[in-house]
């Protein structure tokens, strides 16, 4: 059954309410550059109509620090949005954002709620024809957001990648439970983790340097019970402008261990399939 059909069926049957070389570790970058332009997609168009009280949220993050549009970026983004379409349910709030070089320069490009739930105000079901129309509009906006995250953002190469601080900032903006975090990223956070594509991270550095620093800086968000899915890490392709060297398996394994420790500290629900490259 398609998502559209499922949403309509649920509405009818359920009347309850409810680095230019490698990335460099550099001083903090300035606020958003003029190259980053706001998106014209609607924000919250359907939340006042369908969002449940205490509704679950889904965070979708796309790492565009390289400014490039490589095969791995396209494939990882497609897989991430496919995951989104699988997990979202009527009433869920969906937030889509871009990871850039500093947490203040992130771009939230989509924030809306999945149609199909009872009316927020009356508790009554909306007519099936209305839900069908709203769901089609919502899905079209999600498709536009998927295109938007892969648009060129200028030619300037980012000096670093602010994955951790961006995640921390996004989680802080959400009221209520976050049921899914879907991320397309190479996981090379250079702002606070200082991860490099050619450097192995040993146990001491992972536990006594990186994780200790994150705890002391209060940069570990609360993601209790959140399911994690990550695409796009540890991969390279033959793009002519690909400035990053291939990441060896032992280095990537050590980087994954850093992120596993990070997500365990957040309380997230890590599963064997959480890391999908």
Protein backbone atom coordinates (compact mmCIF):
# COMPACT_ATOMS: atom_id res chain seq x y z
CA UNK A 1 0.00 0.00 0.00
CA UNK A 2 1.39 3.39 -0.90
CA UNK A 3 1.97 6.05 1.76
CA UNK A 4 -0.83 8.17 0.24
CA UNK A 5 -3.30 5.29 0.35
CA UNK A 6 -2.21 4.34 3.87
CA UNK A 7 -2.67 7.90 5.11
CA UNK A 8 -6.17 8.13 3.68
CA UNK A 9 -7.11 4.70 5.01
CA UNK A 10 -5.84 5.56 8.47
CA UNK A 11 -7.80 8.79 8.46
CA UNK A 12 -11.03 7.02 7.52
CA UNK A 13 -10.65 4.03 9.85
CA UNK A 14 -9.10 5.65 12.93
CA UNK A 15 -11.34 8.39 14.37
CA UNK A 16 -9.34 8.88 17.57
CA UNK A 17 -7.57 12.05 18.56
CA UNK A 18 -4.63 11.60 19.54
CA UNK A 19 40.12 19.62 3.18
CA UNK A 20 40.36 21.81 0.04
CA UNK A 21 42.86 19.02 0.79
CA UNK A 22 41.67 17.28 3.95
CA UNK A 23 39.31 19.13 6.20
CA UNK A 24 41.18 21.48 8.48
CA UNK A 25 40.67 22.23 12.14
CA UNK A 26 40.27 25.99 12.00
CA UNK A 27 38.94 28.73 14.28
CA UNK A 28 35.17 29.31 14.32
CA UNK A 29 33.83 30.48 10.99
CA UNK A 30 31.60 33.52 10.61
CA UNK A 31 27.81 33.35 10.49
CA UNK A 32 26.06 32.21 7.30
CA UNK A 33 27.55 33.49 4.08
CA UNK A 34 25.59 35.37 1.46
CA UNK A 35 25.81 32.27 -0.72
CA UNK A 36 23.26 30.50 1.47
CA UNK A 37 19.79 31.57 0.42
CA UNK A 38 16.55 30.70 2.25
CA UNK A 39 14.26 28.17 0.65
CA UNK A 40 10.75 29.05 -0.46
CA UNK A 41 9.09 25.82 0.68
CA UNK A 42 6.25 26.34 3.18
CA UNK A 43 6.99 25.85 6.87
CA UNK A 44 4.36 24.30 9.13
CA UNK A 45 1.61 24.41 6.53
CA UNK A 46 -0.04 21.26 7.88
CA UNK A 47 1.07 21.24 11.53
CA UNK A 48 -1.83 23.36 12.79
CA UNK A 49 -4.16 21.00 10.96
CA UNK A 50 -2.75 17.55 11.66
CA UNK A 51 0.01 17.54 14.30
CA UNK A 52 -0.81 15.32 17.27
CA UNK A 53 -0.27 16.51 20.81
CA UNK A 54 3.20 15.36 21.81
CA UNK A 55 3.79 14.22 18.25
CA UNK A 56 6.94 12.39 17.23
CA UNK A 57 9.50 14.24 15.15
CA UNK A 58 11.84 12.97 12.45
CA UNK A 59 15.13 14.79 11.87
CA UNK A 60 16.70 14.48 8.42
CA UNK A 61 20.21 15.91 8.05
CA UNK A 62 22.17 16.19 4.80
CA UNK A 63 25.89 16.98 5.05
CA UNK A 64 26.87 19.40 2.28
CA UNK A 65 30.16 20.60 3.73
CA UNK A 66 32.12 19.65 0.63
CA UNK A 67 29.87 21.84 -1.57
CA UNK A 68 30.25 19.12 -4.21
CA UNK A 69 27.49 17.02 -5.72
CA UNK A 70 29.14 13.64 -6.00
CA UNK A 71 27.67 10.25 -6.79
CA UNK A 72 27.99 9.26 -3.14
CA UNK A 73 26.06 12.39 -2.15
CA UNK A 74 23.23 11.66 -4.55
CA UNK A 75 23.03 7.99 -3.59
CA UNK A 76 23.22 8.71 0.13
CA UNK A 77 20.57 11.42 -0.11
CA UNK A 78 18.25 9.17 -2.11
CA UNK A 79 18.64 6.40 0.48
CA UNK A 80 18.01 8.82 3.34
CA UNK A 81 14.80 10.15 1.79
CA UNK A 82 13.70 6.58 1.04
CA UNK A 83 14.12 5.87 4.76
CA UNK A 84 12.06 8.97 5.55
CA UNK A 85 9.17 7.82 3.38
CA UNK A 86 9.24 4.45 5.17
CA UNK A 87 9.14 5.75 8.76
CA UNK A 88 6.88 8.83 8.67
CA UNK A 89 3.31 8.47 9.83
CA UNK A 90 0.30 10.84 9.93
CA UNK A 91 0.83 13.56 12.51
CA UNK A 92 4.64 13.22 12.60
CA UNK A 93 6.68 16.42 12.34
CA UNK A 94 9.40 16.21 9.68
CA UNK A 95 12.41 18.54 9.86
CA UNK A 96 14.97 18.55 7.05
CA UNK A 97 18.22 20.46 7.45
CA UNK A 98 21.64 20.87 5.87
CA UNK A 99 24.88 20.42 7.80
CA UNK A 100 27.46 23.03 6.90
CA UNK A 101 30.69 24.42 8.35
CA UNK A 102 29.26 25.92 11.52
CA UNK A 103 26.13 25.28 13.55
CA UNK A 104 24.93 28.85 12.97
CA UNK A 105 25.17 28.39 9.21
CA UNK A 106 22.97 25.32 9.07
CA UNK A 107 19.92 25.56 6.87
CA UNK A 108 16.55 24.22 7.98
CA UNK A 109 14.81 23.87 4.66
CA UNK A 110 11.67 21.95 5.62
CA UNK A 111 9.54 21.77 8.75
CA UNK A 112 6.03 20.40 8.42
CA UNK A 113 3.67 17.68 9.64
CA UNK A 114 2.44 14.60 7.81
CA UNK A 115 -1.27 14.89 6.90
CA UNK A 116 -3.77 12.21 7.81
CA UNK A 117 -4.39 12.67 11.51
CA UNK A 118 -7.51 13.95 13.24
CA UNK A 119 -8.10 17.68 13.47
CA UNK A 120 -5.88 19.27 16.09
CA UNK A 121 -8.72 21.48 17.29
CA UNK A 122 -11.88 19.39 17.03
CA UNK A 123 -10.64 15.80 17.20
CA UNK A 124 -12.75 14.97 14.15
CA UNK A 125 -11.47 13.32 11.03
CA UNK A 126 -10.93 15.49 8.01
CA UNK A 127 -12.72 14.35 4.85
CA UNK A 128 -10.77 11.71 2.95
CA UNK A 129 -10.61 13.92 -0.15
CA UNK A 130 -9.00 16.72 1.88
CA UNK A 131 -6.44 14.37 3.41
CA UNK A 132 -5.63 12.92 0.00
CA UNK A 133 -5.06 16.39 -1.45
CA UNK A 134 -2.98 17.55 1.53
CA UNK A 135 -0.89 14.36 1.52
CA UNK A 136 -0.11 14.77 -2.17
CA UNK A 137 0.96 18.37 -1.53
CA UNK A 138 3.09 17.32 1.44
CA UNK A 139 4.83 14.56 -0.53
CA UNK A 140 5.49 16.97 -3.39
CA UNK A 141 7.12 19.38 -0.93
CA UNK A 142 9.29 16.56 0.44
CA UNK A 143 10.40 15.78 -3.12
CA UNK A 144 11.26 19.45 -3.65
CA UNK A 145 13.27 19.43 -0.42
CA UNK A 146 15.18 16.41 -1.68
CA UNK A 147 16.11 18.34 -4.81
CA UNK A 148 16.91 21.43 -2.77
CA UNK A 149 19.49 19.74 -0.55
CA UNK A 150 21.56 18.86 -3.62
CA UNK A 151 21.53 22.30 -5.20
CA UNK A 152 24.89 24.09 -5.62
CA UNK A 153 25.77 26.34 -2.69
CA UNK A 154 28.53 28.31 -4.39
CA UNK A 155 32.13 27.41 -5.03
CA UNK A 156 33.83 28.17 -1.72
CA UNK A 157 35.15 25.02 -0.04
CA UNK A 158 34.13 24.70 3.60
CA UNK A 159 37.02 24.85 6.03
CA UNK A 160 35.41 22.36 8.36
CA UNK A 161 32.36 20.23 9.11
CA UNK A 162 30.13 20.99 12.10
CA UNK A 163 28.11 17.80 12.42
CA UNK A 164 28.00 17.52 16.22
CA UNK A 165 27.13 21.15 16.98
CA UNK A 166 24.50 21.19 14.23
CA UNK A 167 22.84 18.05 15.61
CA UNK A 168 22.95 19.53 19.09
CA UNK A 169 21.30 22.74 17.87
CA UNK A 170 18.61 20.96 15.88
CA UNK A 171 17.65 18.62 18.74
CA UNK A 172 17.36 21.62 21.07
CA UNK A 173 14.74 23.14 18.74
CA UNK A 174 12.40 20.15 18.93
CA UNK A 175 9.71 19.92 21.58
CA UNK A 176 8.68 16.33 22.13
CA UNK A 177 10.15 12.96 21.25
CA UNK A 178 12.39 12.43 18.22
CA UNK A 179 11.65 8.98 16.86
CA UNK A 180 14.15 8.98 13.99
CA UNK A 181 17.40 10.70 13.08
CA UNK A 182 18.26 10.11 9.42
CA UNK A 183 21.67 11.41 8.41
CA UNK A 184 23.60 11.52 5.14
CA UNK A 185 27.19 12.35 6.06
CA UNK A 186 30.81 11.24 5.73
CA UNK A 187 30.96 11.56 9.56
CA UNK A 188 34.16 13.62 9.36
CA UNK A 189 33.33 16.19 12.00
CA UNK A 190 36.34 18.49 12.11
CA UNK A 191 34.91 21.21 14.34
CA UNK A 192 34.91 19.42 17.69
CA UNK A 193 35.84 15.78 17.00
CA UNK A 194 38.72 16.68 14.66
CA UNK A 195 38.23 13.53 12.56
CA UNK A 196 40.38 13.16 9.43
CA UNK A 197 40.01 10.77 6.49
CA UNK A 198 43.59 9.51 6.89
CA UNK A 199 43.90 9.32 10.69
CA UNK A 200 43.12 6.26 12.81
CA UNK A 201 41.33 7.08 16.07
CA UNK A 202 42.64 4.92 18.91
CA UNK A 203 40.69 4.01 22.03
CA UNK A 204 42.40 6.56 24.27
CA UNK A 205 41.73 9.44 21.89
CA UNK A 206 38.14 8.33 21.36
CA UNK A 207 37.23 7.95 25.01
CA UNK A 208 39.59 10.29 26.89
CA UNK A 209 39.89 13.13 24.38
CA UNK A 210 36.89 13.31 22.06
CA UNK A 211 34.08 12.01 24.27
CA UNK A 212 35.41 13.70 27.38
CA UNK A 213 35.58 17.02 25.55
CA UNK A 214 32.01 16.63 24.25
CA UNK A 215 30.70 15.92 27.74
CA UNK A 216 32.56 18.85 29.24
CA UNK A 217 31.26 21.14 26.50
CA UNK A 218 27.68 19.87 26.95
CA UNK A 219 27.48 18.94 23.28
CA UNK A 220 25.81 15.57 23.71
CA UNK A 221 22.10 16.00 22.92
CA UNK A 222 19.31 13.94 24.41
CA UNK A 223 18.09 11.34 21.92
CA UNK A 224 16.55 8.77 24.24
CA UNK A 225 14.99 5.99 22.17
CA UNK A 226 15.68 7.70 18.82
CA UNK A 227 16.43 5.29 15.99
CA UNK A 228 19.51 6.23 13.95
CA UNK A 229 20.18 5.62 10.25
CA UNK A 230 23.31 6.97 8.57
CA UNK A 231 24.22 6.83 4.88
CA UNK A 232 27.14 8.17 2.85
CA UNK A 233 30.15 7.58 5.09
CA UNK A 234 33.44 5.90 4.21
CA UNK A 235 32.82 6.17 0.48
CA UNK A 236 34.53 7.91 -2.41
CA UNK A 237 33.92 7.97 -6.13
CA UNK A 238 35.66 8.99 -9.33
CA UNK A 239 34.17 12.49 -9.48
CA UNK A 240 36.71 14.72 -11.19
CA UNK A 241 36.48 17.29 -8.40
CA UNK A 242 36.66 14.84 -5.51
CA UNK A 243 39.40 16.33 -3.33
CA UNK A 244 39.16 13.78 -0.53
CA UNK A 245 41.26 10.61 -0.54
CA UNK A 246 39.54 7.23 -0.09
CA UNK A 247 39.09 6.29 3.56
CA UNK A 248 40.64 2.95 4.45
CA UNK A 249 38.52 0.38 6.24
CA UNK A 250 40.50 0.50 9.48
CA UNK A 251 40.27 4.30 9.67
CA UNK A 252 36.55 4.26 8.90
CA UNK A 253 35.95 1.58 11.51
CA UNK A 254 37.68 3.73 14.12
CA UNK A 255 35.58 6.75 13.10
CA UNK A 256 32.39 4.70 13.35
CA UNK A 257 33.41 3.69 16.89
CA UNK A 258 33.61 7.38 17.80
CA UNK A 259 30.07 7.93 16.55
CA UNK A 260 28.79 4.78 18.23
CA UNK A 261 30.13 6.10 21.53
CA UNK A 262 28.55 9.47 20.79
CA UNK A 263 25.09 8.06 20.06
CA UNK A 264 25.25 5.71 23.06
CA UNK A 265 25.88 8.77 25.22
CA UNK A 266 22.79 10.44 23.74
CA UNK A 267 20.62 7.48 24.69
CA UNK A 268 19.74 6.75 21.07
CA UNK A 269 18.53 3.32 19.97
CA UNK A 270 21.53 2.01 18.03
CA UNK A 271 20.94 -1.07 15.90
CA UNK A 272 23.24 -3.15 13.67
CA UNK A 273 21.62 -1.49 10.65
CA UNK A 274 22.06 2.06 12.02
CA UNK A 275 25.21 2.58 9.95
CA UNK A 276 24.37 1.92 6.29
CA UNK A 277 26.93 3.21 3.79
